[in-house]
Amino acid sequence: MNDNWKRYPKPPAEGTAICASSNVPEGGTYSIEVDGFPVLLARDNERLVAYVNACPHQFLPLDHRSSSVLSSDGRILRCTNHQAGFDLATGQGVDGFGAGCALDPIPIRENGDGNVVVDEG
């Protein structure tokens, strides 16, 4: 995993709580700002991922126009502004304006208190 997410303004420090793990539904997404830092979390088959909530095309939040950013099959995150598609598991662009781009992953883990926290990257 790269550290590109740390290049955005005000990245959260390791150990920072993002949200309760239960806020991220199975087969769904959860968008939150952590002290002004935009985070998009998604869960699929018990796998939990986090990305900077910024489309690399114009850096608008993926959910800028709608909270429905996950494809019906649960495999693609789709920017609601430009329809750019990104693989849920890897963040790699797979179609549209997403092709050749990638979302910036944030290292996370679920802690013993039931929270999602920033992990060491």
PDB file of N, CA and C in Angstrom:
ATOM      1  N   MET A   1       0.856  -1.183   0.000  1.00  0.00           N
ATOM      2  CA  MET A   1       0.000   0.000   0.000  1.00  0.00           C
ATOM      3  C   MET A   1       0.898   1.240   0.000  1.00  0.00           C
ATOM      4  N   ASN A   2       0.519   2.217  -0.804  1.00  0.00           N
ATOM      5  CA  ASN A   2       1.315   3.445  -0.873  1.00  0.00           C
ATOM      6  C   ASN A   2       0.846   4.448   0.180  1.00  0.00           C
ATOM      7  N   ASP A   3       1.594   5.508   0.325  1.00  0.00           N
ATOM      8  CA  ASP A   3       1.261   6.556   1.286  1.00  0.00           C
ATOM      9  C   ASP A   3       0.678   7.797   0.624  1.00  0.00           C
ATOM     10  N   ASN A   4       0.155   7.677  -0.597  1.00  0.00           N
ATOM     11  CA  ASN A   4      -0.396   8.844  -1.290  1.00  0.00           C
ATOM     12  C   ASN A   4      -1.495   9.527  -0.492  1.00  0.00           C
ATOM     13  N   TRP A   5      -2.221   8.783   0.300  1.00  0.00           N
ATOM     14  CA  TRP A   5      -3.308   9.364   1.089  1.00  0.00           C
ATOM     15  C   TRP A   5      -2.788  10.416   2.072  1.00  0.00           C
ATOM     16  N   LYS A   6      -1.528  10.309   2.454  1.00  0.00           N
ATOM     17  CA  LYS A   6      -0.957  11.271   3.395  1.00  0.00           C
ATOM     18  C   LYS A   6      -0.643  12.614   2.745  1.00  0.00           C
ATOM     19  N   ARG A   7      -0.736  12.693   1.422  1.00  0.00           N
ATOM     20  CA  ARG A   7      -0.451  13.944   0.713  1.00  0.00           C
ATOM     21  C   ARG A   7      -1.637  14.902   0.704  1.00  0.00           C
ATOM     22  N   TYR A   8      -2.801  14.421   1.107  1.00  0.00           N
ATOM     23  CA  TYR A   8      -3.982  15.274   1.181  1.00  0.00           C
ATOM     24  C   TYR A   8      -3.895  16.116   2.464  1.00  0.00           C
ATOM     25  N   PRO A   9      -4.583  17.250   2.499  1.00  0.00           N
ATOM     26  CA  PRO A   9      -4.560  18.071   3.718  1.00  0.00           C
ATOM     27  C   PRO A   9      -5.144  17.330   4.923  1.00  0.00           C
ATOM     28  N   LYS A  10      -4.500  17.466   6.054  1.00  0.00           N
ATOM     29  CA  LYS A  10      -4.950  16.958   7.353  1.00  0.00           C
ATOM     30  C   LYS A  10      -5.211  15.453   7.401  1.00  0.00           C
ATOM     31  N   PRO A  11      -4.263  14.615   6.955  1.00  0.00           N
ATOM     32  CA  PRO A  11      -4.502  13.168   7.053  1.00  0.00           C
ATOM     33  C   PRO A  11      -4.528  12.734   8.522  1.00  0.00           C
ATOM     34  N   PRO A  12      -5.414  11.823   8.872  1.00  0.00           N
ATOM     35  CA  PRO A  12      -5.469  11.379  10.267  1.00  0.00           C
ATOM     36  C   PRO A  12      -4.242  10.544  10.638  1.00  0.00           C
ATOM     37  N   ALA A  13      -3.836  10.642  11.885  1.00  0.00           N
ATOM     38  CA  ALA A  13      -2.672   9.913  12.378  1.00  0.00           C
ATOM     39  C   ALA A  13      -3.013   8.445  12.624  1.00  0.00           C
ATOM     40  N   GLU A  14      -1.977   7.623  12.646  1.00  0.00           N
ATOM     41  CA  GLU A  14      -2.155   6.213  12.970  1.00  0.00           C
ATOM     42  C   GLU A  14      -2.856   6.091  14.321  1.00  0.00           C
ATOM     43  N   GLY A  15      -3.827   5.191  14.372  1.00  0.00           N
ATOM     44  CA  GLY A  15      -4.585   4.981  15.599  1.00  0.00           C
ATOM     45  C   GLY A  15      -5.834   5.822  15.711  1.00  0.00           C
ATOM     46  N   THR A  16      -6.013   6.799  14.813  1.00  0.00           N
ATOM     47  CA  THR A  16      -7.204   7.646  14.843  1.00  0.00           C
ATOM     48  C   THR A  16      -8.442   6.815  14.537  1.00  0.00           C
ATOM     49  N   ALA A  17      -9.456   6.933  15.380  1.00  0.00           N
ATOM     50  CA  ALA A  17     -10.722   6.245  15.139  1.00  0.00           C
ATOM     51  C   ALA A  17     -11.474   6.951  14.012  1.00  0.00           C
ATOM     52  N   ILE A  18     -11.927   6.166  13.044  1.00  0.00           N
ATOM     53  CA  ILE A  18     -12.685   6.719  11.919  1.00  0.00           C
ATOM     54  C   ILE A  18     -14.179   6.646  12.210  1.00  0.00           C
ATOM     55  N   CYS A  19     -14.637   5.472  12.640  1.00  0.00           N
ATOM     56  CA  CYS A  19     -16.047   5.281  12.941  1.00  0.00           C
ATOM     57  C   CYS A  19     -16.226   3.919  13.603  1.00  0.00           C
ATOM     58  N   ALA A  20     -17.429   3.657  14.066  1.00  0.00           N
ATOM     59  CA  ALA A  20     -17.762   2.323  14.564  1.00  0.00           C
ATOM     60  C   ALA A  20     -17.815   1.371  13.379  1.00  0.00           C
ATOM     61  N   SER A  21     -17.272   0.201  13.538  1.00  0.00           N
ATOM     62  CA  SER A  21     -17.273  -0.794  12.473  1.00  0.00           C
ATOM     63  C   SER A  21     -18.693  -1.101  11.991  1.00  0.00           C
ATOM     64  N   SER A  22     -19.638  -1.052  12.895  1.00  0.00           N
ATOM     65  CA  SER A  22     -21.033  -1.353  12.550  1.00  0.00           C
ATOM     66  C   SER A  22     -21.652  -0.306  11.625  1.00  0.00           C
ATOM     67  N   ASN A  23     -21.016   0.854  11.459  1.00  0.00           N
ATOM     68  CA  ASN A  23     -21.530   1.886  10.547  1.00  0.00           C
ATOM     69  C   ASN A  23     -21.355   1.510   9.084  1.00  0.00           C
ATOM     70  N   VAL A  24     -20.467   0.547   8.801  1.00  0.00           N
ATOM     71  CA  VAL A  24     -20.188   0.147   7.425  1.00  0.00           C
ATOM     72  C   VAL A  24     -20.948  -1.145   7.144  1.00  0.00           C
ATOM     73  N   PRO A  25     -22.041  -1.070   6.396  1.00  0.00           N
ATOM     74  CA  PRO A  25     -22.862  -2.261   6.180  1.00  0.00           C
ATOM     75  C   PRO A  25     -22.213  -3.259   5.227  1.00  0.00           C
ATOM     76  N   GLU A  26     -22.527  -4.523   5.405  1.00  0.00           N
ATOM     77  CA  GLU A  26     -22.078  -5.553   4.461  1.00  0.00           C
ATOM     78  C   GLU A  26     -22.670  -5.222   3.094  1.00  0.00           C
ATOM     79  N   GLY A  27     -21.813  -5.221   2.077  1.00  0.00           N
ATOM     80  CA  GLY A  27     -22.268  -4.907   0.727  1.00  0.00           C
ATOM     81  C   GLY A  27     -22.624  -3.445   0.554  1.00  0.00           C
ATOM     82  N   GLY A  28     -22.021  -2.583   1.358  1.00  0.00           N
ATOM     83  CA  GLY A  28     -22.347  -1.167   1.277  1.00  0.00           C
ATOM     84  C   GLY A  28     -21.161  -0.275   1.583  1.00  0.00           C
ATOM     85  N   THR A  29     -21.427   1.012   1.598  1.00  0.00           N
ATOM     86  CA  THR A  29     -20.390   2.013   1.836  1.00  0.00           C
ATOM     87  C   THR A  29     -20.803   2.942   2.970  1.00  0.00           C
ATOM     88  N   TYR A  30     -19.816   3.649   3.475  1.00  0.00           N
ATOM     89  CA  TYR A  30     -20.048   4.650   4.507  1.00  0.00           C
ATOM     90  C   TYR A  30     -19.054   5.775   4.276  1.00  0.00           C
ATOM     91  N   SER A  31     -19.563   6.983   4.176  1.00  0.00           N
ATOM     92  CA  SER A  31     -18.737   8.164   3.925  1.00  0.00           C
ATOM     93  C   SER A  31     -18.694   9.016   5.187  1.00  0.00           C
ATOM     94  N   ILE A  32     -17.486   9.488   5.526  1.00  0.00           N
ATOM     95  CA  ILE A  32     -17.330  10.299   6.723  1.00  0.00           C
ATOM     96  C   ILE A  32     -16.141  11.236   6.544  1.00  0.00           C
ATOM     97  N   GLU A  33     -16.174  12.353   7.241  1.00  0.00           N
ATOM     98  CA  GLU A  33     -15.008  13.232   7.307  1.00  0.00           C
ATOM     99  C   GLU A  33     -14.430  13.119   8.696  1.00  0.00           C
ATOM    100  N   VAL A  34     -13.134  12.874   8.758  1.00  0.00           N
ATOM    101  CA  VAL A  34     -12.426  12.773  10.030  1.00  0.00           C
ATOM    102  C   VAL A  34     -11.597  14.049  10.173  1.00  0.00           C
ATOM    103  N   ASP A  35     -12.091  14.974  10.968  1.00  0.00           N
ATOM    104  CA  ASP A  35     -11.445  16.280  11.121  1.00  0.00           C
ATOM    105  C   ASP A  35     -11.174  16.934   9.772  1.00  0.00           C
ATOM    106  N   GLY A  36     -12.155  16.869   8.874  1.00  0.00           N
ATOM    107  CA  GLY A  36     -12.049  17.491   7.558  1.00  0.00           C
ATOM    108  C   GLY A  36     -11.420  16.615   6.488  1.00  0.00           C
ATOM    109  N   PHE A  37     -10.981  15.410   6.840  1.00  0.00           N
ATOM    110  CA  PHE A  37     -10.345  14.498   5.884  1.00  0.00           C
ATOM    111  C   PHE A  37     -11.409  13.520   5.369  1.00  0.00           C
ATOM    112  N   PRO A  38     -11.656  13.489   4.048  1.00  0.00           N
ATOM    113  CA  PRO A  38     -12.744  12.676   3.500  1.00  0.00           C
ATOM    114  C   PRO A  38     -12.375  11.195   3.349  1.00  0.00           C
ATOM    115  N   VAL A  39     -13.179  10.340   3.964  1.00  0.00           N
ATOM    116  CA  VAL A  39     -12.936   8.901   3.928  1.00  0.00           C
ATOM    117  C   VAL A  39     -14.184   8.191   3.408  1.00  0.00           C
ATOM    118  N   LEU A  40     -13.964   7.217   2.518  1.00  0.00           N
ATOM    119  CA  LEU A  40     -15.039   6.349   2.039  1.00  0.00           C
ATOM    120  C   LEU A  40     -14.662   4.927   2.415  1.00  0.00           C
ATOM    121  N   LEU A  41     -15.514   4.284   3.204  1.00  0.00           N
ATOM    122  CA  LEU A  41     -15.294   2.900   3.606  1.00  0.00           C
ATOM    123  C   LEU A  41     -16.285   2.009   2.884  1.00  0.00           C
ATOM    124  N   ALA A  42     -15.892   0.777   2.614  1.00  0.00           N
ATOM    125  CA  ALA A  42     -16.780  -0.183   1.966  1.00  0.00           C
ATOM    126  C   ALA A  42     -16.495  -1.566   2.534  1.00  0.00           C
ATOM    127  N   ARG A  43     -17.554  -2.370   2.592  1.00  0.00           N
ATOM    128  CA  ARG A  43     -17.416  -3.734   3.102  1.00  0.00           C
ATOM    129  C   ARG A  43     -18.062  -4.690   2.104  1.00  0.00           C
ATOM    130  N   ASP A  44     -17.322  -5.751   1.789  1.00  0.00           N
ATOM    131  CA  ASP A  44     -17.837  -6.783   0.900  1.00  0.00           C
ATOM    132  C   ASP A  44     -17.275  -8.117   1.357  1.00  0.00           C
ATOM    133  N   ASN A  45     -18.144  -9.060   1.625  1.00  0.00           N
ATOM    134  CA  ASN A  45     -17.721 -10.387   2.097  1.00  0.00           C
ATOM    135  C   ASN A  45     -16.789 -10.285   3.290  1.00  0.00           C
ATOM    136  N   GLU A  46     -17.163  -9.444   4.230  1.00  0.00           N
ATOM    137  CA  GLU A  46     -16.393  -9.237   5.456  1.00  0.00           C
ATOM    138  C   GLU A  46     -15.059  -8.528   5.239  1.00  0.00           C
ATOM    139  N   ARG A  47     -14.709  -8.181   3.999  1.00  0.00           N
ATOM    140  CA  ARG A  47     -13.501  -7.407   3.745  1.00  0.00           C
ATOM    141  C   ARG A  47     -13.853  -5.930   3.868  1.00  0.00           C
ATOM    142  N   LEU A  48     -13.073  -5.223   4.646  1.00  0.00           N
ATOM    143  CA  LEU A  48     -13.308  -3.800   4.865  1.00  0.00           C
ATOM    144  C   LEU A  48     -12.169  -3.014   4.240  1.00  0.00           C
ATOM    145  N   VAL A  49     -12.514  -2.025   3.410  1.00  0.00           N
ATOM    146  CA  VAL A  49     -11.506  -1.185   2.763  1.00  0.00           C
ATOM    147  C   VAL A  49     -11.853   0.274   2.996  1.00  0.00           C
ATOM    148  N   ALA A  50     -10.819   1.128   2.886  1.00  0.00           N
ATOM    149  CA  ALA A  50     -11.023   2.571   3.018  1.00  0.00           C
ATOM    150  C   ALA A  50     -10.200   3.283   1.954  1.00  0.00           C
ATOM    151  N   TYR A  51     -10.780   4.319   1.390  1.00  0.00           N
ATOM    152  CA  TYR A  51     -10.112   5.143   0.385  1.00  0.00           C
ATOM    153  C   TYR A  51     -10.349   6.604   0.719  1.00  0.00           C
ATOM    154  N   VAL A  52      -9.439   7.450   0.260  1.00  0.00           N
ATOM    155  CA  VAL A  52      -9.703   8.886   0.319  1.00  0.00           C
ATOM    156  C   VAL A  52     -10.916   9.118  -0.569  1.00  0.00           C
ATOM    157  N   ASN A  53     -11.911   9.798  -0.053  1.00  0.00           N
ATOM    158  CA  ASN A  53     -13.138  10.023  -0.812  1.00  0.00           C
ATOM    159  C   ASN A  53     -12.935  11.192  -1.775  1.00  0.00           C
ATOM    160  N   ALA A  54     -12.124  10.927  -2.798  1.00  0.00           N
ATOM    161  CA  ALA A  54     -11.816  11.937  -3.812  1.00  0.00           C
ATOM    162  C   ALA A  54     -11.562  11.234  -5.139  1.00  0.00           C
ATOM    163  N   CYS A  55     -12.400  11.496  -6.119  1.00  0.00           N
ATOM    164  CA  CYS A  55     -12.202  10.926  -7.451  1.00  0.00           C
ATOM    165  C   CYS A  55     -10.930  11.538  -8.037  1.00  0.00           C
ATOM    166  N   PRO A  56     -10.004  10.730  -8.518  1.00  0.00           N
ATOM    167  CA  PRO A  56      -8.758  11.285  -9.047  1.00  0.00           C
ATOM    168  C   PRO A  56      -8.944  12.106 -10.319  1.00  0.00           C
ATOM    169  N   HIS A  57     -10.138  12.073 -10.904  1.00  0.00           N
ATOM    170  CA  HIS A  57     -10.404  12.848 -12.114  1.00  0.00           C
ATOM    171  C   HIS A  57     -10.487  14.338 -11.802  1.00  0.00           C
ATOM    172  N   GLN A  58     -11.283  14.722 -10.796  1.00  0.00           N
ATOM    173  CA  GLN A  58     -11.400  16.127 -10.413  1.00  0.00           C
ATOM    174  C   GLN A  58     -11.393  16.335  -8.909  1.00  0.00           C
ATOM    175  N   PHE A  59     -11.112  15.296  -8.154  1.00  0.00           N
ATOM    176  CA  PHE A  59     -10.998  15.334  -6.703  1.00  0.00           C
ATOM    177  C   PHE A  59     -12.280  15.721  -5.978  1.00  0.00           C
ATOM    178  N   LEU A  60     -13.410  15.559  -6.650  1.00  0.00           N
ATOM    179  CA  LEU A  60     -14.693  15.695  -5.967  1.00  0.00           C
ATOM    180  C   LEU A  60     -14.975  14.395  -5.231  1.00  0.00           C
ATOM    181  N   PRO A  61     -15.734  14.425  -4.144  1.00  0.00           N
ATOM    182  CA  PRO A  61     -16.070  13.180  -3.453  1.00  0.00           C
ATOM    183  C   PRO A  61     -16.814  12.225  -4.387  1.00  0.00           C
ATOM    184  N   LEU A  62     -16.541  10.948  -4.259  1.00  0.00           N
ATOM    185  CA  LEU A  62     -17.237   9.952  -5.081  1.00  0.00           C
ATOM    186  C   LEU A  62     -18.743  10.049  -4.883  1.00  0.00           C
ATOM    187  N   ASP A  63     -19.174  10.365  -3.683  1.00  0.00           N
ATOM    188  CA  ASP A  63     -20.603  10.439  -3.367  1.00  0.00           C
ATOM    189  C   ASP A  63     -21.136  11.877  -3.388  1.00  0.00           C
ATOM    190  N   HIS A  64     -20.532  12.729  -4.182  1.00  0.00           N
ATOM    191  CA  HIS A  64     -20.915  14.143  -4.254  1.00  0.00           C
ATOM    192  C   HIS A  64     -22.381  14.327  -4.638  1.00  0.00           C
ATOM    193  N   ARG A  65     -22.878  13.550  -5.575  1.00  0.00           N
ATOM    194  CA  ARG A  65     -24.256  13.710  -6.062  1.00  0.00           C
ATOM    195  C   ARG A  65     -25.231  12.683  -5.484  1.00  0.00           C
ATOM    196  N   SER A  66     -24.698  11.593  -4.940  1.00  0.00           N
ATOM    197  CA  SER A  66     -25.554  10.538  -4.408  1.00  0.00           C
ATOM    198  C   SER A  66     -24.725   9.637  -3.503  1.00  0.00           C
ATOM    199  N   SER A  67     -25.371   9.030  -2.545  1.00  0.00           N
ATOM    200  CA  SER A  67     -24.668   8.092  -1.670  1.00  0.00           C
ATOM    201  C   SER A  67     -24.553   6.705  -2.306  1.00  0.00           C
ATOM    202  N   SER A  68     -25.171   6.515  -3.451  1.00  0.00           N
ATOM    203  CA  SER A  68     -25.146   5.216  -4.138  1.00  0.00           C
ATOM    204  C   SER A  68     -23.911   5.120  -5.025  1.00  0.00           C
ATOM    205  N   VAL A  69     -22.783   4.733  -4.428  1.00  0.00           N
ATOM    206  CA  VAL A  69     -21.537   4.649  -5.185  1.00  0.00           C
ATOM    207  C   VAL A  69     -21.107   3.218  -5.467  1.00  0.00           C
ATOM    208  N   LEU A  70     -21.769   2.239  -4.854  1.00  0.00           N
ATOM    209  CA  LEU A  70     -21.396   0.842  -5.045  1.00  0.00           C
ATOM    210  C   LEU A  70     -22.287   0.201  -6.097  1.00  0.00           C
ATOM    211  N   SER A  71     -21.678  -0.493  -7.055  1.00  0.00           N
ATOM    212  CA  SER A  71     -22.443  -1.155  -8.114  1.00  0.00           C
ATOM    213  C   SER A  71     -23.339  -2.245  -7.524  1.00  0.00           C
ATOM    214  N   SER A  72     -24.340  -2.647  -8.273  1.00  0.00           N
ATOM    215  CA  SER A  72     -25.295  -3.636  -7.777  1.00  0.00           C
ATOM    216  C   SER A  72     -24.640  -4.979  -7.467  1.00  0.00           C
ATOM    217  N   ASP A  73     -23.541  -5.304  -8.140  1.00  0.00           N
ATOM    218  CA  ASP A  73     -22.845  -6.560  -7.841  1.00  0.00           C
ATOM    219  C   ASP A  73     -21.812  -6.396  -6.727  1.00  0.00           C
ATOM    220  N   GLY A  74     -21.640  -5.188  -6.199  1.00  0.00           N
ATOM    221  CA  GLY A  74     -20.750  -4.940  -5.078  1.00  0.00           C
ATOM    222  C   GLY A  74     -19.275  -4.963  -5.414  1.00  0.00           C
ATOM    223  N   ARG A  75     -18.933  -4.852  -6.688  1.00  0.00           N
ATOM    224  CA  ARG A  75     -17.526  -4.948  -7.077  1.00  0.00           C
ATOM    225  C   ARG A  75     -16.900  -3.632  -7.509  1.00  0.00           C
ATOM    226  N   ILE A  76     -17.715  -2.643  -7.861  1.00  0.00           N
ATOM    227  CA  ILE A  76     -17.216  -1.387  -8.425  1.00  0.00           C
ATOM    228  C   ILE A  76     -17.713  -0.198  -7.607  1.00  0.00           C
ATOM    229  N   LEU A  77     -16.779   0.688  -7.242  1.00  0.00           N
ATOM    230  CA  LEU A  77     -17.135   1.982  -6.678  1.00  0.00           C
ATOM    231  C   LEU A  77     -17.236   2.948  -7.848  1.00  0.00           C
ATOM    232  N   ARG A  78     -18.336   3.684  -7.925  1.00  0.00           N
ATOM    233  CA  ARG A  78     -18.560   4.548  -9.070  1.00  0.00           C
ATOM    234  C   ARG A  78     -18.723   5.987  -8.624  1.00  0.00           C
ATOM    235  N   CYS A  79     -17.941   6.879  -9.223  1.00  0.00           N
ATOM    236  CA  CYS A  79     -18.045   8.301  -8.951  1.00  0.00           C
ATOM    237  C   CYS A  79     -19.399   8.803  -9.443  1.00  0.00           C
ATOM    238  N   THR A  80     -20.132   9.481  -8.577  1.00  0.00           N
ATOM    239  CA  THR A  80     -21.458   9.973  -8.965  1.00  0.00           C
ATOM    240  C   THR A  80     -21.388  11.237  -9.808  1.00  0.00           C
ATOM    241  N   ASN A  81     -20.204  11.803  -9.972  1.00  0.00           N
ATOM    242  CA  ASN A  81     -20.042  12.998 -10.800  1.00  0.00           C
ATOM    243  C   ASN A  81     -19.725  12.651 -12.247  1.00  0.00           C
ATOM    244  N   HIS A  82     -18.846  11.670 -12.452  1.00  0.00           N
ATOM    245  CA  HIS A  82     -18.337  11.380 -13.798  1.00  0.00           C
ATOM    246  C   HIS A  82     -18.529   9.936 -14.223  1.00  0.00           C
ATOM    247  N   GLN A  83     -19.084   9.106 -13.342  1.00  0.00           N
ATOM    248  CA  GLN A  83     -19.290   7.680 -13.600  1.00  0.00           C
ATOM    249  C   GLN A  83     -17.994   6.891 -13.735  1.00  0.00           C
ATOM    250  N   ALA A  84     -16.876   7.445 -13.264  1.00  0.00           N
ATOM    251  CA  ALA A  84     -15.617   6.709 -13.256  1.00  0.00           C
ATOM    252  C   ALA A  84     -15.783   5.494 -12.355  1.00  0.00           C
ATOM    253  N   GLY A  85     -15.280   4.337 -12.807  1.00  0.00           N
ATOM    254  CA  GLY A  85     -15.415   3.106 -12.046  1.00  0.00           C
ATOM    255  C   GLY A  85     -14.087   2.643 -11.466  1.00  0.00           C
ATOM    256  N   PHE A  86     -14.110   2.175 -10.204  1.00  0.00           N
ATOM    257  CA  PHE A  86     -12.913   1.716  -9.505  1.00  0.00           C
ATOM    258  C   PHE A  86     -13.197   0.383  -8.836  1.00  0.00           C
ATOM    259  N   ASP A  87     -12.260  -0.540  -8.961  1.00  0.00           N
ATOM    260  CA  ASP A  87     -12.390  -1.846  -8.336  1.00  0.00           C
ATOM    261  C   ASP A  87     -12.467  -1.678  -6.819  1.00  0.00           C
ATOM    262  N   LEU A  88     -13.479  -2.261  -6.201  1.00  0.00           N
ATOM    263  CA  LEU A  88     -13.667  -2.122  -4.757  1.00  0.00           C
ATOM    264  C   LEU A  88     -12.465  -2.635  -3.976  1.00  0.00           C
ATOM    265  N   ALA A  89     -11.940  -3.787  -4.366  1.00  0.00           N
ATOM    266  CA  ALA A  89     -10.866  -4.423  -3.596  1.00  0.00           C
ATOM    267  C   ALA A  89      -9.522  -3.719  -3.720  1.00  0.00           C
ATOM    268  N   THR A  90      -9.249  -3.127  -4.901  1.00  0.00           N
ATOM    269  CA  THR A  90      -7.915  -2.562  -5.139  1.00  0.00           C
ATOM    270  C   THR A  90      -7.897  -1.048  -5.310  1.00  0.00           C
ATOM    271  N   GLY A  91      -9.024  -0.463  -5.661  1.00  0.00           N
ATOM    272  CA  GLY A  91      -9.084   0.971  -5.939  1.00  0.00           C
ATOM    273  C   GLY A  91      -8.637   1.339  -7.345  1.00  0.00           C
ATOM    274  N   GLN A  92      -8.209   0.350  -8.115  1.00  0.00           N
ATOM    275  CA  GLN A  92      -7.740   0.622  -9.480  1.00  0.00           C
ATOM    276  C   GLN A  92      -8.908   1.002 -10.381  1.00  0.00           C
ATOM    277  N   GLY A  93      -8.673   1.985 -11.262  1.00  0.00           N
ATOM    278  CA  GLY A  93      -9.690   2.401 -12.207  1.00  0.00           C
ATOM    279  C   GLY A  93      -9.962   1.303 -13.218  1.00  0.00           C
ATOM    280  N   VAL A  94     -11.242   1.050 -13.483  1.00  0.00           N
ATOM    281  CA  VAL A  94     -11.606  -0.030 -14.396  1.00  0.00           C
ATOM    282  C   VAL A  94     -12.388   0.432 -15.620  1.00  0.00           C
ATOM    283  N   ASP A  95     -12.979   1.627 -15.559  1.00  0.00           N
ATOM    284  CA  ASP A  95     -13.673   2.115 -16.748  1.00  0.00           C
ATOM    285  C   ASP A  95     -13.963   3.605 -16.657  1.00  0.00           C
ATOM    286  N   GLY A  96     -14.396   4.161 -17.787  1.00  0.00           N
ATOM    287  CA  GLY A  96     -14.708   5.584 -17.842  1.00  0.00           C
ATOM    288  C   GLY A  96     -13.494   6.435 -17.495  1.00  0.00           C
ATOM    289  N   PHE A  97     -13.745   7.558 -16.824  1.00  0.00           N
ATOM    290  CA  PHE A  97     -12.656   8.444 -16.418  1.00  0.00           C
ATOM    291  C   PHE A  97     -11.744   7.799 -15.373  1.00  0.00           C
ATOM    292  N   GLY A  98     -12.152   6.665 -14.816  1.00  0.00           N
ATOM    293  CA  GLY A  98     -11.327   5.963 -13.846  1.00  0.00           C
ATOM    294  C   GLY A  98     -10.191   5.178 -14.480  1.00  0.00           C
ATOM    295  N   ALA A  99     -10.328   4.846 -15.761  1.00  0.00           N
ATOM    296  CA  ALA A  99      -9.308   4.046 -16.437  1.00  0.00           C
ATOM    297  C   ALA A  99      -7.952   4.749 -16.352  1.00  0.00           C
ATOM    298  N   GLY A 100      -6.956   4.011 -15.900  1.00  0.00           N
ATOM    299  CA  GLY A 100      -5.610   4.570 -15.783  1.00  0.00           C
ATOM    300  C   GLY A 100      -5.367   5.329 -14.497  1.00  0.00           C
ATOM    301  N   CYS A 101      -6.374   5.458 -13.666  1.00  0.00           N
ATOM    302  CA  CYS A 101      -6.254   6.149 -12.379  1.00  0.00           C
ATOM    303  C   CYS A 101      -6.457   5.145 -11.253  1.00  0.00           C
ATOM    304  N   ALA A 102      -6.339   5.607 -10.046  1.00  0.00           N
ATOM    305  CA  ALA A 102      -6.625   4.761  -8.888  1.00  0.00           C
ATOM    306  C   ALA A 102      -7.033   5.632  -7.709  1.00  0.00           C
ATOM    307  N   LEU A 103      -7.894   5.073  -6.875  1.00  0.00           N
ATOM    308  CA  LEU A 103      -8.221   5.724  -5.611  1.00  0.00           C
ATOM    309  C   LEU A 103      -7.044   5.526  -4.661  1.00  0.00           C
ATOM    310  N   ASP A 104      -6.905   6.412  -3.698  1.00  0.00           N
ATOM    311  CA  ASP A 104      -5.825   6.313  -2.727  1.00  0.00           C
ATOM    312  C   ASP A 104      -6.314   5.558  -1.496  1.00  0.00           C
ATOM    313  N   PRO A 105      -5.777   4.333  -1.284  1.00  0.00           N
ATOM    314  CA  PRO A 105      -6.216   3.537  -0.136  1.00  0.00           C
ATOM    315  C   PRO A 105      -5.663   4.073   1.176  1.00  0.00           C
ATOM    316  N   ILE A 106      -6.438   3.893   2.225  1.00  0.00           N
ATOM    317  CA  ILE A 106      -6.038   4.264   3.574  1.00  0.00           C
ATOM    318  C   ILE A 106      -5.902   2.967   4.370  1.00  0.00           C
ATOM    319  N   PRO A 107      -4.771   2.740   5.017  1.00  0.00           N
ATOM    320  CA  PRO A 107      -4.632   1.517   5.810  1.00  0.00           C
ATOM    321  C   PRO A 107      -5.521   1.590   7.052  1.00  0.00           C
ATOM    322  N   ILE A 108      -6.329   0.569   7.246  1.00  0.00           N
ATOM    323  CA  ILE A 108      -7.242   0.546   8.391  1.00  0.00           C
ATOM    324  C   ILE A 108      -7.229  -0.842   9.029  1.00  0.00           C
ATOM    325  N   ARG A 109      -7.782  -0.884  10.215  1.00  0.00           N
ATOM    326  CA  ARG A 109      -8.029  -2.154  10.901  1.00  0.00           C
ATOM    327  C   ARG A 109      -9.206  -1.944  11.839  1.00  0.00           C
ATOM    328  N   GLU A 110      -9.820  -3.048  12.224  1.00  0.00           N
ATOM    329  CA  GLU A 110     -10.873  -2.998  13.216  1.00  0.00           C
ATOM    330  C   GLU A 110     -10.227  -3.334  14.569  1.00  0.00           C
ATOM    331  N   ASN A 111     -10.455  -2.479  15.558  1.00  0.00           N
ATOM    332  CA  ASN A 111      -9.839  -2.725  16.864  1.00  0.00           C
ATOM    333  C   ASN A 111     -10.791  -3.497  17.776  1.00  0.00           C
ATOM    334  N   GLY A 112     -10.322  -3.839  18.938  1.00  0.00           N
ATOM    335  CA  GLY A 112     -11.101  -4.619  19.885  1.00  0.00           C
ATOM    336  C   GLY A 112     -12.316  -3.904  20.454  1.00  0.00           C
ATOM    337  N   ASP A 113     -12.369  -2.599  20.287  1.00  0.00           N
ATOM    338  CA  ASP A 113     -13.504  -1.814  20.784  1.00  0.00           C
ATOM    339  C   ASP A 113     -14.611  -1.685  19.753  1.00  0.00           C
ATOM    340  N   GLY A 114     -14.450  -2.336  18.579  1.00  0.00           N
ATOM    341  CA  GLY A 114     -15.470  -2.269  17.546  1.00  0.00           C
ATOM    342  C   GLY A 114     -15.376  -1.045  16.664  1.00  0.00           C
ATOM    343  N   ASN A 115     -14.219  -0.392  16.655  1.00  0.00           N
ATOM    344  CA  ASN A 115     -14.021   0.784  15.832  1.00  0.00           C
ATOM    345  C   ASN A 115     -13.088   0.485  14.667  1.00  0.00           C
ATOM    346  N   VAL A 116     -13.247   1.238  13.604  1.00  0.00           N
ATOM    347  CA  VAL A 116     -12.308   1.218  12.493  1.00  0.00           C
ATOM    348  C   VAL A 116     -11.294   2.320  12.776  1.00  0.00           C
ATOM    349  N   VAL A 117     -10.019   1.972  12.748  1.00  0.00           N
ATOM    350  CA  VAL A 117      -8.971   2.938  13.044  1.00  0.00           C
ATOM    351  C   VAL A 117      -7.933   2.930  11.930  1.00  0.00           C
ATOM    352  N   VAL A 118      -7.232   4.054  11.792  1.00  0.00           N
ATOM    353  CA  VAL A 118      -6.136   4.150  10.833  1.00  0.00           C
ATOM    354  C   VAL A 118      -5.013   3.245  11.331  1.00  0.00           C
ATOM    355  N   ASP A 119      -4.526   2.400  10.451  1.00  0.00           N
ATOM    356  CA  ASP A 119      -3.456   1.467  10.774  1.00  0.00           C
ATOM    357  C   ASP A 119      -2.141   2.036  10.279  1.00  0.00           C
ATOM    358  N   GLU A 120      -1.049   1.418  10.670  1.00  0.00           N
ATOM    359  CA  GLU A 120       0.235   1.857  10.153  1.00  0.00           C
ATOM    360  C   GLU A 120       0.302   1.517   8.671  1.00  0.00           C
ATOM    361  N   GLY A 121       0.843   2.400   7.909  1.00  0.00           N
ATOM    362  CA  GLY A 121       0.879   2.222   6.469  1.00  0.00           C
ATOM    363  C   GLY A 121       2.149   1.791   5.991  1.00  0.00           C
TER     364      GLY A 121
END
